[in-house]
Protein backbone atom coordinates (compact mmCIF):
# COMPACT_ATOMS: atom_id res chain seq x y z
CA MET A 1 70.85 19.68 10.99
CA PRO A 2 67.84 21.42 11.95
CA THR A 3 64.44 19.81 12.98
CA ARG A 4 62.13 19.93 10.16
CA ARG A 5 58.62 20.40 11.29
CA ILE A 6 55.97 19.04 8.73
CA ALA A 7 52.03 19.34 8.75
CA GLN A 8 49.70 17.65 6.46
CA ILE A 9 46.12 17.14 5.88
CA VAL A 10 43.92 14.61 4.40
CA HIS A 11 40.20 13.78 4.48
CA LEU A 12 38.36 11.33 6.53
CA LYS A 13 35.26 9.42 4.75
CA PRO A 14 32.42 10.20 6.98
CA SER A 15 31.57 6.33 7.23
CA ALA A 16 35.05 5.85 8.44
CA VAL A 17 35.24 8.01 11.52
CA ALA A 18 35.03 5.25 14.10
CA ALA A 19 37.22 2.54 12.58
CA TYR A 20 39.99 5.50 11.88
CA LYS A 21 40.07 6.32 15.81
CA GLU A 22 40.11 2.54 16.74
CA CYS A 23 42.89 1.55 14.35
CA HIS A 24 44.75 4.73 15.67
CA ALA A 25 44.34 3.71 19.21
CA ASN A 26 46.11 0.29 18.68
CA VAL A 27 48.48 1.17 15.61
CA TRP A 28 50.65 -1.88 14.93
CA PRO A 29 54.26 -2.11 16.86
CA GLU A 30 56.03 -2.51 13.43
CA VAL A 31 54.43 0.51 12.12
CA LEU A 32 55.57 2.61 15.11
CA GLN A 33 59.23 1.43 15.22
CA GLN A 34 59.35 2.17 11.44
CA ILE A 35 58.32 5.77 12.29
CA LYS A 36 60.97 5.88 14.73
CA ASP A 37 63.58 4.44 12.63
CA CYS A 38 62.85 6.81 9.99
CA ASN A 39 63.72 9.74 12.23
CA ILE A 40 59.96 10.96 12.83
CA ARG A 41 59.32 12.51 16.26
CA ASP A 42 56.50 14.19 17.94
CA TYR A 43 53.91 12.95 15.85
CA SER A 44 50.36 13.60 16.21
CA ILE A 45 46.81 13.17 14.25
CA PHE A 46 43.91 15.20 14.85
CA PHE A 47 40.51 15.33 13.47
CA ASP A 48 38.26 18.34 13.46
CA ASN A 49 34.83 16.50 13.32
CA ASP A 50 34.21 17.92 9.51
CA ARG A 51 36.52 15.05 7.67
CA THR A 52 39.72 16.88 7.88
CA ILE A 53 42.63 14.99 9.63
CA PHE A 54 45.70 17.19 10.56
CA ALA A 55 49.13 15.49 11.13
CA THR A 56 52.26 17.06 12.72
CA PHE A 57 55.51 15.71 13.05
CA LYS A 58 59.05 16.71 13.53
CA TYR A 59 61.95 15.14 10.98
CA VAL A 60 65.30 14.85 13.04
CA GLY A 61 67.30 13.20 10.53
CA ASP A 62 69.56 14.22 7.81
CA ASP A 63 68.03 12.41 4.54
CA PHE A 64 64.11 12.86 4.70
CA ASP A 65 64.02 11.48 0.96
CA GLY A 66 65.90 8.28 1.90
CA ASP A 67 63.97 7.79 5.25
CA MET A 68 60.71 8.13 3.53
CA ALA A 69 61.70 5.47 0.68
CA LYS A 70 62.65 2.97 3.83
CA MET A 71 59.18 3.86 5.47
CA LYS A 72 57.71 3.32 1.92
CA ALA A 73 59.56 -0.23 1.59
CA ASN A 74 58.56 -1.74 4.66
CA PRO A 75 55.58 -4.33 3.90
CA LYS A 76 53.92 -3.75 7.19
CA VAL A 77 53.76 0.04 6.82
CA ARG A 78 52.34 -0.48 3.20
CA GLU A 79 49.66 -3.11 4.54
CA TRP A 80 48.90 -0.20 7.16
CA TRP A 81 48.52 2.44 4.51
CA ALA A 82 46.23 0.27 2.57
CA MET A 83 43.88 -0.15 5.35
CA THR A 84 43.74 3.50 6.40
CA ASP A 85 43.57 5.25 2.81
CA GLY A 86 40.47 3.02 2.28
CA MET A 87 39.04 5.44 4.98
CA GLN A 88 40.38 8.69 3.63
CA GLU A 89 40.12 10.73 0.35
CA SER A 90 43.15 12.44 -0.69
CA PRO A 91 43.09 16.22 -1.61
CA ILE A 92 46.01 15.78 -3.79
CA PRO A 93 44.86 15.81 -7.78
CA GLY A 94 45.73 12.18 -9.27
CA ALA A 95 46.38 10.74 -5.89
CA VAL A 96 46.53 6.68 -6.05
CA SER A 97 47.66 5.77 -2.49
CA SER A 98 49.79 6.66 0.40
CA ALA A 99 52.58 4.01 -1.50
CA GLU A 100 52.01 5.03 -5.00
CA GLY A 101 51.35 8.34 -7.16
CA PRO A 102 52.31 12.00 -6.40
CA GLY A 103 51.52 11.54 -2.77
CA TRP A 104 48.33 11.13 -0.28
CA TRP A 105 48.32 13.95 2.28
CA LYS A 106 48.65 17.30 1.46
CA VAL A 107 51.57 18.92 2.95
CA LEU A 108 50.98 22.54 4.22
CA ASP A 109 53.23 25.43 4.12
CA GLU A 110 54.53 26.67 7.60
CA VAL A 111 53.48 30.38 8.07
CA PHE A 112 54.42 31.26 11.41
CA TYR A 113 56.59 29.33 14.03
CA THR A 114 57.85 30.76 17.69
CA ASP A 115 60.05 28.75 20.10
């Protein structure tokens, strides 16, 4: 199966910039392991200094929905999401959290790629 490239955005609360950067400088080992176990590679998060956080990663597995269900089922990941969601504002209408609702990060359409 070909690699799937995914890009997403979410907004950071201005009061949470320092805390968000600090927690991402020390991501919990259980979260990092679950990301790897769910076939996510080359994962980066960028901040544009104007509230928008941009994330990009490659999915190298063959069951994206199944892997994301495994991610969501991990209690440590859910704890991480609860912490980081409190620092963010979702651009998704009706968003509740990373763990519930229609999604938290807005997935972007790829308009150009070259290898």
